[in-house]
């Protein structure tokens, strides 16, 4: 696996640990729908909302903020995969789209959780 892929997996693991510390229940990681995927699906601490979480991991923010890479194409892809997920697992709770950014490495890591980061467009 390429180094950047390993780093991305490490960032997803940091995001999972972060969510678990906040009381979230992790449902799935790297859930696939064709060539699309959902990084993390989790129930919020009260169990009332399903959070679809996109994780963006960067070593630094020298060029851009990590959340800026979630463009309209990515949002559309996430919406399509989320729709399939909701249908597959017959989700009856509200669904929201979050972004978690993991910036840094080693002991110098900053994690930010952007709840309700976007509302995907209707098809």
N, C-alpha and C. Protein backbone atom coordinates (compact mmCIF):
# COMPACT_ATOMS: atom_id res chain seq x y z
N UNK A 1 0.85 -1.18 0.00
CA UNK A 1 0.00 0.00 0.00
C UNK A 1 0.89 1.24 0.00
N UNK A 2 0.52 2.22 -0.78
CA UNK A 2 1.30 3.46 -0.86
C UNK A 2 1.29 4.18 0.49
N UNK A 3 2.33 4.95 0.75
CA UNK A 3 2.48 5.65 2.02
C UNK A 3 1.28 6.56 2.29
N UNK A 4 0.79 7.29 1.27
CA UNK A 4 -0.34 8.20 1.50
C UNK A 4 -1.60 7.42 1.85
N UNK A 5 -1.76 6.21 1.31
CA UNK A 5 -2.91 5.38 1.67
C UNK A 5 -2.82 4.92 3.12
N UNK A 6 -1.62 4.53 3.55
CA UNK A 6 -1.41 4.12 4.93
C UNK A 6 -1.69 5.29 5.87
N UNK A 7 -1.25 6.46 5.48
CA UNK A 7 -1.48 7.65 6.29
C UNK A 7 -2.97 7.96 6.40
N UNK A 8 -3.69 7.79 5.29
CA UNK A 8 -5.13 7.99 5.30
C UNK A 8 -5.84 7.00 6.21
N UNK A 9 -5.41 5.75 6.20
CA UNK A 9 -5.99 4.73 7.09
C UNK A 9 -5.71 5.08 8.55
N UNK A 10 -4.49 5.56 8.81
CA UNK A 10 -4.16 6.00 10.16
C UNK A 10 -5.09 7.14 10.60
N UNK A 11 -5.34 8.09 9.70
CA UNK A 11 -6.23 9.20 10.00
C UNK A 11 -7.64 8.73 10.29
N UNK A 12 -8.11 7.75 9.52
CA UNK A 12 -9.45 7.19 9.76
C UNK A 12 -9.51 6.53 11.13
N UNK A 13 -8.45 5.84 11.50
CA UNK A 13 -8.41 5.21 12.83
C UNK A 13 -8.47 6.28 13.93
N UNK A 14 -7.74 7.39 13.74
CA UNK A 14 -7.79 8.48 14.71
C UNK A 14 -9.20 9.06 14.81
N UNK A 15 -9.88 9.17 13.67
CA UNK A 15 -11.25 9.69 13.64
C UNK A 15 -12.20 8.74 14.38
N UNK A 16 -12.03 7.44 14.18
CA UNK A 16 -12.87 6.46 14.88
C UNK A 16 -12.68 6.58 16.39
N UNK A 17 -11.43 6.65 16.83
CA UNK A 17 -11.15 6.77 18.27
C UNK A 17 -11.75 8.06 18.82
N UNK A 18 -11.65 9.14 18.05
CA UNK A 18 -12.21 10.43 18.44
C UNK A 18 -13.73 10.31 18.63
N UNK A 19 -14.40 9.71 17.66
CA UNK A 19 -15.86 9.56 17.74
C UNK A 19 -16.25 8.67 18.91
N UNK A 20 -15.54 7.59 19.11
CA UNK A 20 -15.85 6.69 20.22
C UNK A 20 -15.70 7.42 21.56
N UNK A 21 -14.67 8.25 21.70
CA UNK A 21 -14.50 9.03 22.93
C UNK A 21 -15.67 9.98 23.15
N UNK A 22 -16.28 10.44 22.05
CA UNK A 22 -17.44 11.34 22.15
C UNK A 22 -18.74 10.57 22.42
N UNK A 23 -18.66 9.23 22.42
CA UNK A 23 -19.84 8.43 22.71
C UNK A 23 -20.59 7.92 21.49
N UNK A 24 -20.01 8.10 20.31
CA UNK A 24 -20.63 7.59 19.09
C UNK A 24 -20.46 6.07 19.02
N UNK A 25 -21.40 5.42 18.35
CA UNK A 25 -21.32 3.98 18.07
C UNK A 25 -20.97 3.82 16.61
N UNK A 26 -19.83 3.21 16.33
CA UNK A 26 -19.39 3.01 14.95
C UNK A 26 -20.20 1.85 14.35
N UNK A 27 -20.84 2.12 13.23
CA UNK A 27 -21.61 1.08 12.53
C UNK A 27 -20.75 0.38 11.48
N UNK A 28 -20.14 1.16 10.61
CA UNK A 28 -19.29 0.61 9.54
C UNK A 28 -18.11 1.54 9.27
N UNK A 29 -17.04 0.91 8.77
CA UNK A 29 -15.88 1.65 8.28
C UNK A 29 -15.62 1.20 6.86
N UNK A 30 -15.28 2.15 6.00
CA UNK A 30 -14.98 1.87 4.59
C UNK A 30 -16.07 1.04 3.92
N UNK A 31 -17.31 1.45 4.12
CA UNK A 31 -18.43 0.74 3.51
C UNK A 31 -18.45 1.04 2.01
N UNK A 32 -18.50 0.01 1.20
CA UNK A 32 -18.38 0.16 -0.26
C UNK A 32 -19.74 0.03 -0.95
N UNK A 33 -19.88 0.87 -1.97
CA UNK A 33 -21.01 0.79 -2.88
C UNK A 33 -20.44 1.03 -4.27
N UNK A 34 -20.15 -0.06 -4.97
CA UNK A 34 -19.47 0.06 -6.26
C UNK A 34 -18.09 0.66 -6.03
N UNK A 35 -17.77 1.72 -6.77
CA UNK A 35 -16.48 2.38 -6.59
C UNK A 35 -16.54 3.51 -5.56
N UNK A 36 -17.71 3.69 -4.96
CA UNK A 36 -17.87 4.72 -3.93
C UNK A 36 -17.71 4.10 -2.55
N UNK A 37 -17.35 4.93 -1.58
CA UNK A 37 -17.28 4.41 -0.22
C UNK A 37 -17.66 5.48 0.79
N UNK A 38 -18.05 5.00 1.96
CA UNK A 38 -18.32 5.85 3.10
C UNK A 38 -17.24 5.54 4.12
N UNK A 39 -16.48 6.54 4.53
CA UNK A 39 -15.37 6.30 5.46
C UNK A 39 -15.86 5.72 6.77
N UNK A 40 -16.82 6.40 7.40
CA UNK A 40 -17.36 5.97 8.69
C UNK A 40 -18.86 6.24 8.70
N UNK A 41 -19.61 5.27 9.19
CA UNK A 41 -21.01 5.51 9.52
C UNK A 41 -21.12 5.26 11.02
N UNK A 42 -21.79 6.17 11.72
CA UNK A 42 -21.85 6.07 13.18
C UNK A 42 -23.14 6.67 13.70
N UNK A 43 -23.64 6.09 14.79
CA UNK A 43 -24.77 6.67 15.48
C UNK A 43 -24.25 7.68 16.49
N UNK A 44 -24.91 8.83 16.55
CA UNK A 44 -24.52 9.86 17.50
C UNK A 44 -24.67 9.34 18.93
N UNK A 45 -24.13 10.07 19.87
CA UNK A 45 -24.13 9.62 21.26
C UNK A 45 -25.52 9.35 21.80
N UNK A 46 -26.54 10.05 21.32
CA UNK A 46 -27.91 9.80 21.76
C UNK A 46 -28.60 8.70 20.94
N UNK A 47 -27.93 8.22 19.89
CA UNK A 47 -28.48 7.16 19.06
C UNK A 47 -29.58 7.60 18.12
N UNK A 48 -29.83 8.90 18.06
CA UNK A 48 -30.95 9.42 17.28
C UNK A 48 -30.61 9.81 15.85
N UNK A 49 -29.34 9.88 15.51
CA UNK A 49 -28.93 10.34 14.18
C UNK A 49 -27.80 9.47 13.65
N UNK A 50 -27.88 9.16 12.36
CA UNK A 50 -26.79 8.47 11.69
C UNK A 50 -25.88 9.52 11.07
N UNK A 51 -24.61 9.52 11.46
CA UNK A 51 -23.63 10.43 10.89
C UNK A 51 -22.83 9.69 9.82
N UNK A 52 -22.85 10.23 8.62
CA UNK A 52 -21.99 9.76 7.53
C UNK A 52 -20.76 10.66 7.61
N UNK A 53 -19.61 10.07 7.92
CA UNK A 53 -18.43 10.87 8.22
C UNK A 53 -17.35 10.68 7.15
N UNK A 54 -16.99 11.76 6.50
CA UNK A 54 -15.89 11.78 5.54
C UNK A 54 -14.65 12.24 6.30
N UNK A 55 -13.58 11.46 6.21
CA UNK A 55 -12.35 11.78 6.93
C UNK A 55 -11.31 12.29 5.94
N UNK A 56 -10.71 13.42 6.28
CA UNK A 56 -9.64 13.99 5.47
C UNK A 56 -8.40 14.14 6.33
N UNK A 57 -7.33 13.47 5.93
CA UNK A 57 -6.09 13.45 6.69
C UNK A 57 -4.99 14.17 5.90
N UNK A 58 -4.31 15.09 6.57
CA UNK A 58 -3.23 15.83 5.93
C UNK A 58 -2.07 15.97 6.91
N UNK A 59 -0.87 16.05 6.39
CA UNK A 59 0.30 16.26 7.25
C UNK A 59 0.37 17.71 7.75
N UNK A 60 -0.15 18.64 6.92
CA UNK A 60 -0.16 20.05 7.30
C UNK A 60 -1.22 20.77 6.46
N UNK A 61 -1.38 22.04 6.73
CA UNK A 61 -2.37 22.83 5.98
C UNK A 61 -1.67 23.93 5.18
N UNK A 62 -0.45 23.65 4.73
CA UNK A 62 0.32 24.65 3.99
C UNK A 62 -0.38 25.10 2.72
N UNK A 63 -1.09 24.21 2.06
CA UNK A 63 -1.68 24.55 0.76
C UNK A 63 -3.18 24.78 0.82
N UNK A 64 -3.87 24.09 1.72
CA UNK A 64 -5.32 24.25 1.83
C UNK A 64 -5.80 23.54 3.09
N UNK A 65 -6.99 23.90 3.51
CA UNK A 65 -7.63 23.19 4.62
C UNK A 65 -8.16 21.86 4.09
N UNK A 66 -8.06 20.79 4.85
CA UNK A 66 -8.46 19.47 4.35
C UNK A 66 -9.92 19.41 3.90
N UNK A 67 -10.80 20.08 4.62
CA UNK A 67 -12.23 20.01 4.28
C UNK A 67 -12.53 20.65 2.92
N UNK A 68 -11.63 21.50 2.43
CA UNK A 68 -11.83 22.11 1.12
C UNK A 68 -11.78 21.10 -0.02
N UNK A 69 -11.22 19.92 0.24
CA UNK A 69 -11.16 18.90 -0.80
C UNK A 69 -12.47 18.15 -0.98
N UNK A 70 -13.45 18.43 -0.14
CA UNK A 70 -14.77 17.83 -0.30
C UNK A 70 -15.57 18.75 -1.22
N UNK A 71 -15.40 18.51 -2.52
CA UNK A 71 -16.05 19.34 -3.53
C UNK A 71 -17.40 18.75 -3.93
N UNK A 72 -18.04 19.37 -4.90
CA UNK A 72 -19.39 18.94 -5.28
C UNK A 72 -19.40 17.52 -5.83
N UNK A 73 -18.33 17.10 -6.50
CA UNK A 73 -18.27 15.71 -7.00
C UNK A 73 -18.24 14.72 -5.85
N UNK A 74 -17.43 15.03 -4.83
CA UNK A 74 -17.33 14.15 -3.67
C UNK A 74 -18.66 14.13 -2.91
N UNK A 75 -19.28 15.28 -2.77
CA UNK A 75 -20.57 15.36 -2.09
C UNK A 75 -21.60 14.52 -2.82
N UNK A 76 -21.62 14.61 -4.14
CA UNK A 76 -22.56 13.81 -4.94
C UNK A 76 -22.29 12.32 -4.75
N UNK A 77 -21.03 11.92 -4.78
CA UNK A 77 -20.65 10.53 -4.58
C UNK A 77 -21.07 10.04 -3.20
N UNK A 78 -20.83 10.84 -2.18
CA UNK A 78 -21.23 10.47 -0.82
C UNK A 78 -22.74 10.34 -0.70
N UNK A 79 -23.47 11.23 -1.36
CA UNK A 79 -24.93 11.17 -1.31
C UNK A 79 -25.46 9.89 -1.95
N UNK A 80 -24.88 9.49 -3.07
CA UNK A 80 -25.30 8.27 -3.75
C UNK A 80 -25.01 7.05 -2.87
N UNK A 81 -23.81 7.00 -2.30
CA UNK A 81 -23.47 5.88 -1.43
C UNK A 81 -24.33 5.87 -0.17
N UNK A 82 -24.58 7.04 0.40
CA UNK A 82 -25.41 7.13 1.60
C UNK A 82 -26.84 6.67 1.31
N UNK A 83 -27.36 7.03 0.16
CA UNK A 83 -28.70 6.59 -0.22
C UNK A 83 -28.76 5.06 -0.28
N UNK A 84 -27.75 4.45 -0.88
CA UNK A 84 -27.69 2.98 -0.95
C UNK A 84 -27.57 2.38 0.45
N UNK A 85 -26.79 3.01 1.30
CA UNK A 85 -26.60 2.53 2.67
C UNK A 85 -27.92 2.57 3.44
N UNK A 86 -28.60 3.70 3.36
CA UNK A 86 -29.88 3.87 4.06
C UNK A 86 -30.90 2.83 3.59
N UNK A 87 -30.94 2.59 2.30
CA UNK A 87 -31.86 1.57 1.77
C UNK A 87 -31.45 0.17 2.21
N UNK A 88 -30.16 -0.13 2.12
CA UNK A 88 -29.66 -1.47 2.46
C UNK A 88 -29.94 -1.83 3.91
N UNK A 89 -29.70 -0.88 4.82
CA UNK A 89 -29.85 -1.15 6.25
C UNK A 89 -31.16 -0.61 6.83
N UNK A 90 -32.05 -0.15 5.96
CA UNK A 90 -33.36 0.35 6.35
C UNK A 90 -33.25 1.33 7.53
N UNK A 91 -32.42 2.34 7.33
CA UNK A 91 -32.20 3.36 8.36
C UNK A 91 -33.44 4.23 8.46
N UNK A 92 -33.93 4.40 9.68
CA UNK A 92 -35.13 5.21 9.89
C UNK A 92 -34.86 6.43 10.77
N UNK A 93 -33.59 6.71 11.01
CA UNK A 93 -33.22 7.89 11.79
C UNK A 93 -32.77 9.00 10.84
N UNK A 94 -32.76 10.22 11.31
CA UNK A 94 -32.21 11.29 10.48
C UNK A 94 -30.74 10.99 10.14
N UNK A 95 -30.33 11.49 8.98
CA UNK A 95 -28.95 11.28 8.51
C UNK A 95 -28.32 12.65 8.32
N UNK A 96 -27.09 12.77 8.75
CA UNK A 96 -26.36 14.01 8.51
C UNK A 96 -24.98 13.66 7.97
N UNK A 97 -24.35 14.64 7.34
CA UNK A 97 -23.03 14.47 6.73
C UNK A 97 -22.02 15.32 7.49
N UNK A 98 -21.02 14.65 8.06
CA UNK A 98 -19.97 15.32 8.83
C UNK A 98 -18.64 15.16 8.11
N UNK A 99 -17.71 16.02 8.46
CA UNK A 99 -16.32 15.88 8.01
C UNK A 99 -15.45 15.90 9.26
N UNK A 100 -14.51 14.97 9.33
CA UNK A 100 -13.49 15.02 10.37
C UNK A 100 -12.16 15.24 9.67
N UNK A 101 -11.43 16.24 10.14
CA UNK A 101 -10.09 16.50 9.60
C UNK A 101 -9.06 16.08 10.64
N UNK A 102 -8.05 15.41 10.15
CA UNK A 102 -6.93 14.98 10.99
C UNK A 102 -5.69 15.60 10.36
N UNK A 103 -5.05 16.52 11.09
CA UNK A 103 -3.89 17.23 10.56
C UNK A 103 -2.71 17.05 11.50
N UNK A 104 -1.59 16.61 10.93
CA UNK A 104 -0.37 16.44 11.70
C UNK A 104 0.12 15.01 11.65
N UNK A 105 1.03 14.71 12.55
CA UNK A 105 1.56 13.36 12.63
C UNK A 105 2.20 13.16 13.99
N UNK A 106 2.36 11.91 14.38
CA UNK A 106 2.95 11.60 15.68
C UNK A 106 2.10 12.13 16.81
N UNK A 107 2.76 12.82 17.74
CA UNK A 107 2.05 13.39 18.90
C UNK A 107 1.46 14.76 18.62
N UNK A 108 1.78 15.33 17.47
CA UNK A 108 1.31 16.67 17.12
C UNK A 108 0.18 16.57 16.09
N UNK A 109 -1.01 16.21 16.58
CA UNK A 109 -2.16 15.99 15.70
C UNK A 109 -3.34 16.84 16.18
N UNK A 110 -4.00 17.46 15.23
CA UNK A 110 -5.22 18.22 15.52
C UNK A 110 -6.38 17.55 14.80
N UNK A 111 -7.45 17.28 15.54
CA UNK A 111 -8.65 16.66 14.96
C UNK A 111 -9.79 17.65 15.12
N UNK A 112 -10.45 17.95 14.01
CA UNK A 112 -11.63 18.82 14.03
C UNK A 112 -12.82 18.05 13.47
N UNK A 113 -13.95 18.21 14.13
CA UNK A 113 -15.19 17.55 13.71
C UNK A 113 -16.18 18.61 13.27
N UNK A 114 -16.50 18.60 12.00
CA UNK A 114 -17.46 19.54 11.44
C UNK A 114 -18.78 18.80 11.28
N UNK A 115 -19.70 19.02 12.22
CA UNK A 115 -21.00 18.37 12.15
C UNK A 115 -21.88 19.09 11.13
N UNK A 116 -22.69 18.32 10.44
CA UNK A 116 -23.57 18.87 9.39
C UNK A 116 -22.75 19.75 8.44
N UNK A 117 -21.66 19.20 7.94
CA UNK A 117 -20.73 19.95 7.09
C UNK A 117 -21.37 20.37 5.77
N UNK A 118 -22.31 19.58 5.29
CA UNK A 118 -22.99 19.91 4.03
C UNK A 118 -24.31 19.17 3.95
N UNK A 119 -25.17 19.68 3.10
CA UNK A 119 -26.42 19.01 2.77
C UNK A 119 -26.33 18.68 1.29
N UNK A 120 -26.34 17.39 0.95
CA UNK A 120 -26.19 17.05 -0.47
C UNK A 120 -27.43 17.47 -1.27
N UNK A 121 -27.22 17.79 -2.53
CA UNK A 121 -28.35 18.18 -3.37
C UNK A 121 -29.23 16.97 -3.66
N UNK A 122 -30.49 17.25 -3.91
CA UNK A 122 -31.40 16.18 -4.33
C UNK A 122 -31.08 15.81 -5.75
N UNK A 123 -31.29 14.56 -6.08
CA UNK A 123 -31.00 14.12 -7.47
C UNK A 123 -31.93 14.76 -8.45
